[in-house]
Amino acid sequence: MLLNSRLSDRSGRRKAAVWPWLAAGGLALFGSYAAGSHFPVALALLVVAGLCLYAPYGPYFALVSTLAPAGVSGAAVAMVNSLGALGSFAGTYLVGWVRGTSLGDAGAFAFMAAGALVSAVLMLAVHEPRPSGTRPGTVNRQPTAATTRVLELSRGFQRSPAGYSAAAAPMRRLADRTGLPAIAGILHDTDVLLVLTAQGTQHLQLRSAEGTRNAWHATSLGKVLVAGLPERERDELLAAGLSAVTARTVTDPAAVRAALDAVRERGWAEVDEENEVGVRSIAVAVPPPHGQAPRLAVSLGAAVALTGADELRAHVPALRACAEDIAAHMDH
């Protein structure tokens, strides 16, 4: 699993790290039954089948996140996990049922092997986006001078006193401690701009790219930042119009104002599938210098199917500690 995932990350190709293993696992199951009279061979092939069926887990879930539209990646992961849980029950039941028929053990092994082979064929039918920077018949080109300069400027800003390099180490520690992705954002016009991310350690990860913009009223980052603004500025944002991002986005100005008041009182914000279906998050603002409004906030995001609301709220103390650590090292 580790080697296959590492190779898949290096090449940027997910499908090629999934379907061959599924096909090999199905063939190994067939072979294990066929060699039943030679127990050492049958057992060895059964071990090979288990290896092959587990090896593609990482690239497979990475492919799910890549293929799902941006607004429903959380729901896609939830659906995959739900079908997996259903399969663990239905598959076991069906194998037992097949063994009880005239097909016996041969039918049970054929059923399991066929399932793996069909999965491999379905995976082959999936259209996978090409790794960025490539096209048919070409190799990766060297970046242009303009592209290189843009990257240098962006990295230079991150490292500068005006940037957010001070947040990187605390956010990595937070992500390692909670297993969830940590995201830092600032308020820009009527959006939240994501400026820094740190991936967690869970085997399933929500991914948010730096530079992404989201509506402030649909995110925990936006709500905690706006809650700290002077009342006049909050009123201007509320009056600018609140559009629905998902079916659960709160767009009534009075309701959002009440939520902001609650955020100011408790010191942290949360959203539940308001910005992305299947995703919930909590956020706290990095403490600003006395008398100023917060300009940076940090959040933790989680898939609804994997992390309950109370479980996510239990990370508020760790999130606050991270924000205070950032403030202590940040040049305001």
C-alpha atoms as a PDB file:
ATOM      1  CA  MET A   1       0.000   0.000   0.000  1.00  0.00           C
ATOM      2  CA  LEU A   2       2.745   2.451   0.927  1.00  0.00           C
ATOM      3  CA  LEU A   3       4.896   1.718  -2.113  1.00  0.00           C
ATOM      4  CA  ASN A   4       1.954   1.824  -4.529  1.00  0.00           C
ATOM      5  CA  SER A   5       0.728   5.108  -3.060  1.00  0.00           C
ATOM      6  CA  ARG A   6       4.214   6.644  -3.237  1.00  0.00           C
ATOM      7  CA  LEU A   7       4.629   5.647  -6.890  1.00  0.00           C
ATOM      8  CA  SER A   8       1.163   6.975  -7.709  1.00  0.00           C
ATOM      9  CA  ASP A   9       1.969  10.317  -6.068  1.00  0.00           C
ATOM     10  CA  ARG A  10       5.196  10.610  -8.045  1.00  0.00           C
ATOM     11  CA  SER A  11       3.579   9.871 -11.399  1.00  0.00           C
ATOM     12  CA  GLY A  12       0.321  11.705 -10.711  1.00  0.00           C
ATOM     13  CA  ARG A  13      -1.592   8.752 -12.174  1.00  0.00           C
ATOM     14  CA  ARG A  14      -4.227   7.056 -10.059  1.00  0.00           C
ATOM     15  CA  LYS A  15      -6.094   4.679 -12.359  1.00  0.00           C
ATOM     16  CA  ALA A  16      -2.919   2.840 -13.345  1.00  0.00           C
ATOM     17  CA  ALA A  17      -2.239   2.245  -9.649  1.00  0.00           C
ATOM     18  CA  VAL A  18      -5.660   0.665  -9.104  1.00  0.00           C
ATOM     19  CA  TRP A  19      -6.981  -1.542 -11.917  1.00  0.00           C
ATOM     20  CA  PRO A  20      -3.925  -3.824 -12.400  1.00  0.00           C
ATOM     21  CA  TRP A  21      -4.015  -4.747  -8.708  1.00  0.00           C
ATOM     22  CA  LEU A  22      -7.738  -5.523  -8.853  1.00  0.00           C
ATOM     23  CA  ALA A  23      -7.262  -7.696 -11.928  1.00  0.00           C
ATOM     24  CA  ALA A  24      -4.307  -9.516 -10.348  1.00  0.00           C
ATOM     25  CA  GLY A  25      -6.320 -10.067  -7.170  1.00  0.00           C
ATOM     26  CA  GLY A  26      -9.196 -11.614  -9.117  1.00  0.00           C
ATOM     27  CA  LEU A  27      -6.861 -13.946 -11.014  1.00  0.00           C
ATOM     28  CA  ALA A  28      -5.122 -14.934  -7.760  1.00  0.00           C
ATOM     29  CA  LEU A  29      -8.472 -15.890  -6.244  1.00  0.00           C
ATOM     30  CA  PHE A  30      -9.257 -18.064  -9.256  1.00  0.00           C
ATOM     31  CA  GLY A  31      -5.804 -19.633  -9.000  1.00  0.00           C
ATOM     32  CA  SER A  32      -6.138 -20.253  -5.277  1.00  0.00           C
ATOM     33  CA  TYR A  33      -9.213 -22.390  -5.802  1.00  0.00           C
ATOM     34  CA  ALA A  34      -7.750 -24.147  -8.847  1.00  0.00           C
ATOM     35  CA  ALA A  35      -4.692 -25.122  -6.789  1.00  0.00           C
ATOM     36  CA  GLY A  36      -6.805 -26.381  -3.908  1.00  0.00           C
ATOM     37  CA  SER A  37      -5.226 -29.823  -3.966  1.00  0.00           C
ATOM     38  CA  HIS A  38      -1.804 -28.211  -3.416  1.00  0.00           C
ATOM     39  CA  PHE A  39      -2.349 -26.421  -0.138  1.00  0.00           C
ATOM     40  CA  PRO A  40       0.903 -24.361   0.015  1.00  0.00           C
ATOM     41  CA  VAL A  41       0.268 -22.986  -3.485  1.00  0.00           C
ATOM     42  CA  ALA A  42      -3.407 -22.275  -2.746  1.00  0.00           C
ATOM     43  CA  LEU A  43      -2.525 -20.455   0.480  1.00  0.00           C
ATOM     44  CA  ALA A  44       0.225 -18.430  -1.227  1.00  0.00           C
ATOM     45  CA  LEU A  45      -2.194 -17.323  -3.969  1.00  0.00           C
ATOM     46  CA  LEU A  46      -4.767 -16.376  -1.330  1.00  0.00           C
ATOM     47  CA  VAL A  47      -2.149 -14.179   0.360  1.00  0.00           C
ATOM     48  CA  VAL A  48      -1.298 -12.613  -3.012  1.00  0.00           C
ATOM     49  CA  ALA A  49      -5.004 -11.903  -3.585  1.00  0.00           C
ATOM     50  CA  GLY A  50      -5.257 -10.104  -0.248  1.00  0.00           C
ATOM     51  CA  LEU A  51      -2.147  -8.054  -1.026  1.00  0.00           C
ATOM     52  CA  CYS A  52      -3.483  -7.072  -4.440  1.00  0.00           C
ATOM     53  CA  LEU A  53      -6.916  -6.054  -3.169  1.00  0.00           C
ATOM     54  CA  TYR A  54      -5.512  -3.804  -0.427  1.00  0.00           C
ATOM     55  CA  ALA A  55      -2.613  -2.209  -2.325  1.00  0.00           C
ATOM     56  CA  PRO A  56      -4.736   0.277  -4.376  1.00  0.00           C
ATOM     57  CA  TYR A  57      -6.676   1.800  -1.463  1.00  0.00           C
ATOM     58  CA  GLY A  58      -4.721   5.070  -1.328  1.00  0.00           C
ATOM     59  CA  PRO A  59      -4.693   5.871  -5.061  1.00  0.00           C
ATOM     60  CA  TYR A  60      -8.346   4.828  -5.354  1.00  0.00           C
ATOM     61  CA  PHE A  61      -9.577   7.324  -2.758  1.00  0.00           C
ATOM     62  CA  ALA A  62      -7.289   9.992  -4.212  1.00  0.00           C
ATOM     63  CA  LEU A  63      -8.971   9.340  -7.575  1.00  0.00           C
ATOM     64  CA  VAL A  64     -12.430   9.709  -6.009  1.00  0.00           C
ATOM     65  CA  SER A  65     -11.476  13.152  -4.680  1.00  0.00           C
ATOM     66  CA  THR A  66     -10.007  14.129  -8.058  1.00  0.00           C
ATOM     67  CA  LEU A  67     -13.011  13.076 -10.132  1.00  0.00           C
ATOM     68  CA  ALA A  68     -15.749  14.469  -7.885  1.00  0.00           C
ATOM     69  CA  PRO A  69     -16.919  18.023  -8.644  1.00  0.00           C
ATOM     70  CA  ALA A  70     -15.549  20.592  -6.200  1.00  0.00           C
ATOM     71  CA  GLY A  71     -18.893  21.119  -4.476  1.00  0.00           C
ATOM     72  CA  VAL A  72     -19.634  17.467  -3.770  1.00  0.00           C
ATOM     73  CA  SER A  73     -16.299  15.793  -3.034  1.00  0.00           C
ATOM     74  CA  GLY A  74     -17.335  15.297   0.592  1.00  0.00           C
ATOM     75  CA  ALA A  75     -20.572  13.651  -0.476  1.00  0.00           C
ATOM     76  CA  ALA A  76     -18.679  11.455  -2.963  1.00  0.00           C
ATOM     77  CA  VAL A  77     -16.358  10.180  -0.241  1.00  0.00           C
ATOM     78  CA  ALA A  78     -19.383   9.577   1.991  1.00  0.00           C
ATOM     79  CA  MET A  79     -21.133   7.600  -0.754  1.00  0.00           C
ATOM     80  CA  VAL A  80     -18.058   5.448  -1.386  1.00  0.00           C
ATOM     81  CA  ASN A  81     -17.772   4.661   2.330  1.00  0.00           C
ATOM     82  CA  SER A  82     -21.486   3.869   2.545  1.00  0.00           C
ATOM     83  CA  LEU A  83     -21.276   1.465  -0.401  1.00  0.00           C
ATOM     84  CA  GLY A  84     -18.190  -0.111   1.139  1.00  0.00           C
ATOM     85  CA  ALA A  85     -20.037  -0.697   4.409  1.00  0.00           C
ATOM     86  CA  LEU A  86     -22.966  -2.175   2.473  1.00  0.00           C
ATOM     87  CA  GLY A  87     -20.583  -4.402   0.508  1.00  0.00           C
ATOM     88  CA  SER A  88     -18.976  -5.758   3.666  1.00  0.00           C
ATOM     89  CA  PHE A  89     -22.398  -7.072   4.699  1.00  0.00           C
ATOM     90  CA  ALA A  90     -23.940  -8.017   1.364  1.00  0.00           C
ATOM     91  CA  GLY A  91     -20.732  -9.524  -0.037  1.00  0.00           C
ATOM     92  CA  THR A  92     -20.199 -11.774   2.984  1.00  0.00           C
ATOM     93  CA  TYR A  93     -23.844 -12.847   2.921  1.00  0.00           C
ATOM     94  CA  LEU A  94     -23.773 -13.614  -0.812  1.00  0.00           C
ATOM     95  CA  VAL A  95     -20.557 -15.653  -0.588  1.00  0.00           C
ATOM     96  CA  GLY A  96     -22.120 -17.769   2.157  1.00  0.00           C
ATOM     97  CA  TRP A  97     -25.301 -18.169   0.160  1.00  0.00           C
ATOM     98  CA  VAL A  98     -23.406 -19.268  -2.971  1.00  0.00           C
ATOM     99  CA  ARG A  99     -21.448 -21.844  -0.946  1.00  0.00           C
ATOM    100  CA  GLY A 100     -24.749 -23.304   0.232  1.00  0.00           C
ATOM    101  CA  THR A 101     -25.918 -23.935  -3.317  1.00  0.00           C
ATOM    102  CA  SER A 102     -24.818 -26.663  -5.680  1.00  0.00           C
ATOM    103  CA  LEU A 103     -21.963 -24.370  -6.803  1.00  0.00           C
ATOM    104  CA  GLY A 104     -20.202 -24.882  -3.480  1.00  0.00           C
ATOM    105  CA  ASP A 105     -16.735 -23.491  -2.807  1.00  0.00           C
ATOM    106  CA  ALA A 106     -15.973 -23.208  -6.513  1.00  0.00           C
ATOM    107  CA  GLY A 107     -18.916 -20.873  -6.999  1.00  0.00           C
ATOM    108  CA  ALA A 108     -17.941 -18.792  -3.949  1.00  0.00           C
ATOM    109  CA  PHE A 109     -14.378 -18.305  -5.213  1.00  0.00           C
ATOM    110  CA  ALA A 110     -15.655 -17.556  -8.711  1.00  0.00           C
ATOM    111  CA  PHE A 111     -18.050 -14.959  -7.305  1.00  0.00           C
ATOM    112  CA  MET A 112     -15.278 -13.172  -5.361  1.00  0.00           C
ATOM    113  CA  ALA A 113     -12.863 -13.324  -8.281  1.00  0.00           C
ATOM    114  CA  ALA A 114     -15.497 -12.030 -10.691  1.00  0.00           C
ATOM    115  CA  GLY A 115     -16.187  -9.099  -8.368  1.00  0.00           C
ATOM    116  CA  ALA A 116     -12.518  -8.075  -8.429  1.00  0.00           C
ATOM    117  CA  LEU A 117     -12.271  -8.473 -12.218  1.00  0.00           C
ATOM    118  CA  VAL A 118     -15.459  -6.493 -12.853  1.00  0.00           C
ATOM    119  CA  SER A 119     -14.077  -3.743 -10.590  1.00  0.00           C
ATOM    120  CA  ALA A 120     -10.908  -3.667 -12.677  1.00  0.00           C
ATOM    121  CA  VAL A 121     -12.927  -3.340 -15.897  1.00  0.00           C
ATOM    122  CA  LEU A 122     -15.046  -0.535 -14.422  1.00  0.00           C
ATOM    123  CA  MET A 123     -11.902   1.262 -13.312  1.00  0.00           C
ATOM    124  CA  LEU A 124     -10.490   0.999 -16.826  1.00  0.00           C
ATOM    125  CA  ALA A 125     -13.629   2.721 -18.127  1.00  0.00           C
ATOM    126  CA  VAL A 126     -13.075   5.740 -15.865  1.00  0.00           C
ATOM    127  CA  HIS A 127     -11.737   8.833 -17.598  1.00  0.00           C
ATOM    128  CA  GLU A 128      -8.856  10.133 -15.499  1.00  0.00           C
ATOM    129  CA  PRO A 129      -7.621  13.716 -15.944  1.00  0.00           C
ATOM    130  CA  ARG A 130      -4.025  13.813 -17.098  1.00  0.00           C
ATOM    131  CA  PRO A 131      -1.422  14.930 -14.572  1.00  0.00           C
ATOM    132  CA  SER A 132      -1.045  18.688 -14.738  1.00  0.00           C
ATOM    133  CA  GLY A 133       1.535  19.964 -17.211  1.00  0.00           C
ATOM    134  CA  THR A 134       1.312  17.031 -19.653  1.00  0.00           C
ATOM    135  CA  ARG A 135      -0.443  16.320 -22.906  1.00  0.00           C
ATOM    136  CA  PRO A 136      -0.450  13.368 -25.313  1.00  0.00           C
ATOM    137  CA  GLY A 137       2.890  12.739 -26.988  1.00  0.00           C
ATOM    138  CA  THR A 138       4.828  15.297 -24.957  1.00  0.00           C
ATOM    139  CA  VAL A 139       6.927  15.452 -21.839  1.00  0.00           C
ATOM    140  CA  ASN A 140       6.650  18.106 -19.174  1.00  0.00           C
ATOM    141  CA  ARG A 141       7.938  21.442 -20.386  1.00  0.00           C
ATOM    142  CA  GLN A 142      10.239  23.626 -18.382  1.00  0.00           C
ATOM    143  CA  PRO A 143       8.359  26.513 -16.746  1.00  0.00           C
ATOM    144  CA  THR A 144       8.583  29.835 -18.541  1.00  0.00           C
ATOM    145  CA  ALA A 145      10.456  32.753 -17.014  1.00  0.00           C
ATOM    146  CA  ALA A 146       7.139  34.469 -16.225  1.00  0.00           C
ATOM    147  CA  THR A 147       5.788  31.357 -14.479  1.00  0.00           C
ATOM    148  CA  THR A 148       8.955  30.975 -12.463  1.00  0.00           C
ATOM    149  CA  ARG A 149       8.850  34.630 -11.424  1.00  0.00           C
ATOM    150  CA  VAL A 150       5.238  34.326 -10.286  1.00  0.00           C
ATOM    151  CA  LEU A 151       6.167  31.320  -8.135  1.00  0.00           C
ATOM    152  CA  GLU A 152       9.136  33.179  -6.674  1.00  0.00           C
ATOM    153  CA  LEU A 153       6.998  36.198  -5.824  1.00  0.00           C
ATOM    154  CA  SER A 154       4.276  34.068  -4.210  1.00  0.00           C
ATOM    155  CA  ARG A 155       6.757  32.117  -2.110  1.00  0.00           C
ATOM    156  CA  GLY A 156       8.576  35.304  -1.231  1.00  0.00           C
ATOM    157  CA  PHE A 157       5.354  36.839   0.025  1.00  0.00           C
ATOM    158  CA  GLN A 158       4.605  33.778   2.151  1.00  0.00           C
ATOM    159  CA  ARG A 159       8.024  34.090   3.801  1.00  0.00           C
ATOM    160  CA  SER A 160       7.865  37.846   4.266  1.00  0.00           C
ATOM    161  CA  PRO A 161       6.562  39.593   7.411  1.00  0.00           C
ATOM    162  CA  ALA A 162       3.422  40.435   5.444  1.00  0.00           C
ATOM    163  CA  GLY A 163       2.916  36.765   4.539  1.00  0.00           C
ATOM    164  CA  TYR A 164       1.815  33.802   6.583  1.00  0.00           C
ATOM    165  CA  SER A 165       4.926  31.654   6.994  1.00  0.00           C
ATOM    166  CA  ALA A 166       4.537  31.923  10.781  1.00  0.00           C
ATOM    167  CA  ALA A 167       1.347  29.885  10.486  1.00  0.00           C
ATOM    168  CA  ALA A 168       2.915  26.952   8.634  1.00  0.00           C
ATOM    169  CA  ALA A 169       4.538  25.072  11.523  1.00  0.00           C
ATOM    170  CA  PRO A 170       1.622  25.474  14.002  1.00  0.00           C
ATOM    171  CA  MET A 171      -0.817  24.366  11.303  1.00  0.00           C
ATOM    172  CA  ARG A 172       1.244  21.271  10.508  1.00  0.00           C
ATOM    173  CA  ARG A 173       1.298  20.353  14.188  1.00  0.00           C
ATOM    174  CA  LEU A 174      -2.474  20.867  14.398  1.00  0.00           C
ATOM    175  CA  ALA A 175      -3.075  18.677  11.336  1.00  0.00           C
ATOM    176  CA  ASP A 176      -0.814  15.935  12.746  1.00  0.00           C
ATOM    177  CA  ARG A 177      -2.529  16.085  16.140  1.00  0.00           C
ATOM    178  CA  THR A 178      -6.119  15.981  14.856  1.00  0.00           C
ATOM    179  CA  GLY A 179      -5.616  14.060  11.623  1.00  0.00           C
ATOM    180  CA  LEU A 180      -7.707  16.710   9.838  1.00  0.00           C
ATOM    181  CA  PRO A 181      -6.646  19.272   7.234  1.00  0.00           C
ATOM    182  CA  ALA A 182      -5.885  22.725   8.638  1.00  0.00           C
ATOM    183  CA  ILE A 183      -6.675  25.729   6.438  1.00  0.00           C
ATOM    184  CA  ALA A 184      -5.841  29.414   6.935  1.00  0.00           C
ATOM    185  CA  GLY A 185      -7.773  32.175   5.212  1.00  0.00           C
ATOM    186  CA  ILE A 186      -8.192  35.934   5.036  1.00  0.00           C
ATOM    187  CA  LEU A 187     -11.155  38.116   4.195  1.00  0.00           C
ATOM    188  CA  HIS A 188     -10.904  39.715   0.750  1.00  0.00           C
ATOM    189  CA  ASP A 189     -13.861  41.749  -0.514  1.00  0.00           C
ATOM    190  CA  THR A 190     -16.887  39.481   0.021  1.00  0.00           C
ATOM    191  CA  ASP A 191     -14.891  36.238  -0.129  1.00  0.00           C
ATOM    192  CA  VAL A 192     -12.559  34.207   2.004  1.00  0.00           C
ATOM    193  CA  LEU A 193      -9.214  33.635   0.293  1.00  0.00           C
ATOM    194  CA  LEU A 194      -7.357  30.483   1.339  1.00  0.00           C
ATOM    195  CA  VAL A 195      -3.697  31.349   1.898  1.00  0.00           C
ATOM    196  CA  LEU A 196      -2.187  28.274   3.547  1.00  0.00           C
ATOM    197  CA  THR A 197      -3.094  24.597   3.969  1.00  0.00           C
ATOM    198  CA  ALA A 198      -1.678  21.645   5.912  1.00  0.00           C
ATOM    199  CA  GLN A 199      -2.869  18.129   5.163  1.00  0.00           C
ATOM    200  CA  GLY A 200      -3.874  15.813   7.996  1.00  0.00           C
ATOM    201  CA  THR A 201      -3.005  12.181   8.568  1.00  0.00           C
ATOM    202  CA  GLN A 202      -6.352  10.466   7.991  1.00  0.00           C
ATOM    203  CA  HIS A 203      -6.378   8.071   5.045  1.00  0.00           C
ATOM    204  CA  LEU A 204      -9.223  10.126   3.540  1.00  0.00           C
ATOM    205  CA  GLN A 205      -8.468  13.810   3.137  1.00  0.00           C
ATOM    206  CA  LEU A 206     -10.458  16.836   2.051  1.00  0.00           C
ATOM    207  CA  ARG A 207      -8.300  19.039  -0.155  1.00  0.00           C
ATOM    208  CA  SER A 208      -8.494  22.816  -0.521  1.00  0.00           C
ATOM    209  CA  ALA A 209      -6.030  24.572  -2.774  1.00  0.00           C
ATOM    210  CA  GLU A 210      -4.285  27.759  -1.708  1.00  0.00           C
ATOM    211  CA  GLY A 211      -5.699  30.664  -3.688  1.00  0.00           C
ATOM    212  CA  THR A 212      -9.262  29.291  -3.647  1.00  0.00           C
ATOM    213  CA  ARG A 213     -12.068  31.758  -2.920  1.00  0.00           C
ATOM    214  CA  ASN A 214     -15.271  30.929  -1.049  1.00  0.00           C
ATOM    215  CA  ALA A 215     -18.275  33.014  -0.037  1.00  0.00           C
ATOM    216  CA  TRP A 216     -17.612  34.349   3.460  1.00  0.00           C
ATOM    217  CA  HIS A 217     -21.097  33.597   4.812  1.00  0.00           C
ATOM    218  CA  ALA A 218     -20.870  29.905   3.799  1.00  0.00           C
ATOM    219  CA  THR A 219     -17.579  29.171   5.578  1.00  0.00           C
ATOM    220  CA  SER A 220     -16.459  28.961   9.176  1.00  0.00           C
ATOM    221  CA  LEU A 221     -13.371  31.007   8.266  1.00  0.00           C
ATOM    222  CA  GLY A 222     -15.520  33.793   6.853  1.00  0.00           C
ATOM    223  CA  LYS A 223     -17.938  33.845   9.766  1.00  0.00           C
ATOM    224  CA  VAL A 224     -15.255  34.041  12.429  1.00  0.00           C
ATOM    225  CA  LEU A 225     -13.447  36.823  10.549  1.00  0.00           C
ATOM    226  CA  VAL A 226     -16.573  38.862   9.891  1.00  0.00           C
ATOM    227  CA  ALA A 227     -17.722  38.393  13.482  1.00  0.00           C
ATOM    228  CA  GLY A 228     -14.611  40.288  14.579  1.00  0.00           C
ATOM    229  CA  LEU A 229     -15.197  43.277  12.275  1.00  0.00           C
ATOM    230  CA  PRO A 230     -16.646  46.610  13.427  1.00  0.00           C
ATOM    231  CA  GLU A 231     -20.434  46.637  13.243  1.00  0.00           C
ATOM    232  CA  ARG A 232     -20.502  49.031  10.264  1.00  0.00           C
ATOM    233  CA  GLU A 233     -18.354  46.709   8.151  1.00  0.00           C
ATOM    234  CA  ARG A 234     -20.451  43.694   9.139  1.00  0.00           C
ATOM    235  CA  ASP A 235     -23.591  45.517   8.088  1.00  0.00           C
ATOM    236  CA  GLU A 236     -22.068  46.344   4.703  1.00  0.00           C
ATOM    237  CA  LEU A 237     -21.251  42.690   4.064  1.00  0.00           C
ATOM    238  CA  LEU A 238     -24.713  41.565   5.122  1.00  0.00           C
ATOM    239  CA  ALA A 239     -26.316  44.163   2.875  1.00  0.00           C
ATOM    240  CA  ALA A 240     -24.222  43.091  -0.128  1.00  0.00           C
ATOM    241  CA  GLY A 241     -26.380  39.999  -0.629  1.00  0.00           C
ATOM    242  CA  LEU A 242     -25.920  36.415   0.510  1.00  0.00           C
ATOM    243  CA  SER A 243     -26.212  33.794  -2.212  1.00  0.00           C
ATOM    244  CA  ALA A 244     -26.820  30.094  -1.622  1.00  0.00           C
ATOM    245  CA  VAL A 245     -23.796  27.870  -2.268  1.00  0.00           C
ATOM    246  CA  THR A 246     -25.544  24.646  -1.237  1.00  0.00           C
ATOM    247  CA  ALA A 247     -29.078  23.852  -0.134  1.00  0.00           C
ATOM    248  CA  ARG A 248     -27.956  24.322   3.498  1.00  0.00           C
ATOM    249  CA  THR A 249     -26.347  27.743   3.102  1.00  0.00           C
ATOM    250  CA  VAL A 250     -27.953  30.286   5.442  1.00  0.00           C
ATOM    251  CA  THR A 251     -28.809  33.350   3.348  1.00  0.00           C
ATOM    252  CA  ASP A 252     -31.216  35.257   5.608  1.00  0.00           C
ATOM    253  CA  PRO A 253     -29.292  38.351   6.837  1.00  0.00           C
ATOM    254  CA  ALA A 254     -31.041  38.309  10.218  1.00  0.00           C
ATOM    255  CA  ALA A 255     -30.151  34.645  10.775  1.00  0.00           C
ATOM    256  CA  VAL A 256     -26.543  35.213   9.709  1.00  0.00           C
ATOM    257  CA  ARG A 257     -26.315  38.261  12.003  1.00  0.00           C
ATOM    258  CA  ALA A 258     -27.541  36.143  14.922  1.00  0.00           C
ATOM    259  CA  ALA A 259     -24.965  33.483  14.072  1.00  0.00           C
ATOM    260  CA  LEU A 260     -22.212  36.126  14.014  1.00  0.00           C
ATOM    261  CA  ASP A 261     -23.295  37.347  17.453  1.00  0.00           C
ATOM    262  CA  ALA A 262     -23.018  33.776  18.739  1.00  0.00           C
ATOM    263  CA  VAL A 263     -19.557  33.466  17.189  1.00  0.00           C
ATOM    264  CA  ARG A 264     -18.395  36.667  18.897  1.00  0.00           C
ATOM    265  CA  GLU A 265     -19.621  35.358  22.227  1.00  0.00           C
ATOM    266  CA  ARG A 266     -18.039  31.894  22.100  1.00  0.00           C
ATOM    267  CA  GLY A 267     -14.972  32.757  20.002  1.00  0.00           C
ATOM    268  CA  TRP A 268     -15.280  30.157  17.246  1.00  0.00           C
ATOM    269  CA  ALA A 269     -17.468  29.464  14.215  1.00  0.00           C
ATOM    270  CA  GLU A 270     -18.813  26.346  12.542  1.00  0.00           C
ATOM    271  CA  VAL A 271     -20.638  25.444   9.334  1.00  0.00           C
ATOM    272  CA  ASP A 272     -22.318  22.205   8.375  1.00  0.00           C
ATOM    273  CA  GLU A 273     -22.507  21.541   4.612  1.00  0.00           C
ATOM    274  CA  GLU A 274     -23.068  25.240   3.868  1.00  0.00           C
ATOM    275  CA  ASN A 275     -20.096  25.584   1.519  1.00  0.00           C
ATOM    276  CA  GLU A 276     -19.741  21.997   0.304  1.00  0.00           C
ATOM    277  CA  VAL A 277     -22.122  19.062   0.548  1.00  0.00           C
ATOM    278  CA  GLY A 278     -20.781  16.428   2.936  1.00  0.00           C
ATOM    279  CA  VAL A 279     -18.255  18.734   4.621  1.00  0.00           C
ATOM    280  CA  ARG A 280     -18.343  20.496   7.996  1.00  0.00           C
ATOM    281  CA  SER A 281     -15.725  22.778   9.540  1.00  0.00           C
ATOM    282  CA  ILE A 282     -14.846  24.872  12.583  1.00  0.00           C
ATOM    283  CA  ALA A 283     -12.640  27.978  12.716  1.00  0.00           C
ATOM    284  CA  VAL A 284     -11.068  30.450  15.111  1.00  0.00           C
ATOM    285  CA  ALA A 285      -9.463  33.809  14.387  1.00  0.00           C
ATOM    286  CA  VAL A 286      -5.777  34.393  15.019  1.00  0.00           C
ATOM    287  CA  PRO A 287      -5.687  36.938  17.877  1.00  0.00           C
ATOM    288  CA  PRO A 288      -4.837  40.372  16.414  1.00  0.00           C
ATOM    289  CA  PRO A 289      -3.019  43.236  18.115  1.00  0.00           C
ATOM    290  CA  HIS A 290      -5.184  45.013  20.681  1.00  0.00           C
ATOM    291  CA  GLY A 291      -7.931  47.115  19.147  1.00  0.00           C
ATOM    292  CA  GLN A 292      -7.653  45.651  15.671  1.00  0.00           C
ATOM    293  CA  ALA A 293      -9.956  43.310  13.770  1.00  0.00           C
ATOM    294  CA  PRO A 294      -8.627  39.811  13.050  1.00  0.00           C
ATOM    295  CA  ARG A 295      -7.124  39.437   9.581  1.00  0.00           C
ATOM    296  CA  LEU A 296      -6.290  35.703   9.597  1.00  0.00           C
ATOM    297  CA  ALA A 297      -8.269  32.659  10.737  1.00  0.00           C
ATOM    298  CA  VAL A 298      -7.565  28.924  10.902  1.00  0.00           C
ATOM    299  CA  SER A 299     -10.063  26.111  10.386  1.00  0.00           C
ATOM    300  CA  LEU A 300     -10.331  22.335  10.543  1.00  0.00           C
ATOM    301  CA  GLY A 301     -12.459  20.575   7.919  1.00  0.00           C
ATOM    302  CA  ALA A 302     -13.948  17.081   7.996  1.00  0.00           C
ATOM    303  CA  ALA A 303     -16.185  14.810   5.961  1.00  0.00           C
ATOM    304  CA  VAL A 304     -19.617  14.531   7.565  1.00  0.00           C
ATOM    305  CA  ALA A 305     -19.583  10.757   7.057  1.00  0.00           C
ATOM    306  CA  LEU A 306     -16.340  10.356   9.011  1.00  0.00           C
ATOM    307  CA  THR A 307     -16.442  13.015  11.749  1.00  0.00           C
ATOM    308  CA  GLY A 308     -19.478  13.957  13.822  1.00  0.00           C
ATOM    309  CA  ALA A 309     -20.254  17.532  14.812  1.00  0.00           C
ATOM    310  CA  ASP A 310     -19.454  16.935  18.487  1.00  0.00           C
ATOM    311  CA  GLU A 311     -16.248  15.133  17.565  1.00  0.00           C
ATOM    312  CA  LEU A 312     -15.157  18.100  15.474  1.00  0.00           C
ATOM    313  CA  ARG A 313     -16.077  20.612  18.203  1.00  0.00           C
ATOM    314  CA  ALA A 314     -13.856  18.667  20.602  1.00  0.00           C
ATOM    315  CA  HIS A 315     -10.897  20.004  18.584  1.00  0.00           C
ATOM    316  CA  VAL A 316     -11.723  23.651  19.404  1.00  0.00           C
ATOM    317  CA  PRO A 317      -9.109  23.826  22.235  1.00  0.00           C
ATOM    318  CA  ALA A 318      -6.400  22.515  19.879  1.00  0.00           C
ATOM    319  CA  LEU A 319      -7.522  24.970  17.194  1.00  0.00           C
ATOM    320  CA  ARG A 320      -7.354  27.880  19.664  1.00  0.00           C
ATOM    321  CA  ALA A 321      -3.891  26.811  20.789  1.00  0.00           C
ATOM    322  CA  CYS A 322      -2.769  26.786  17.154  1.00  0.00           C
ATOM    323  CA  ALA A 323      -4.158  30.302  16.572  1.00  0.00           C
ATOM    324  CA  GLU A 324      -2.412  31.619  19.677  1.00  0.00           C
ATOM    325  CA  ASP A 325       0.849  29.969  18.591  1.00  0.00           C
ATOM    326  CA  ILE A 326       0.562  31.675  15.192  1.00  0.00           C
ATOM    327  CA  ALA A 327      -0.143  35.036  16.826  1.00  0.00           C
ATOM    328  CA  ALA A 328       2.892  34.685  19.070  1.00  0.00           C
ATOM    329  CA  HIS A 329       5.201  34.274  16.053  1.00  0.00           C
ATOM    330  CA  MET A 330       3.491  36.557  13.567  1.00  0.00           C
ATOM    331  CA  ASP A 331       4.758  40.016  12.750  1.00  0.00           C
ATOM    332  CA  HIS A 332       1.550  42.056  12.740  1.00  0.00           C
END
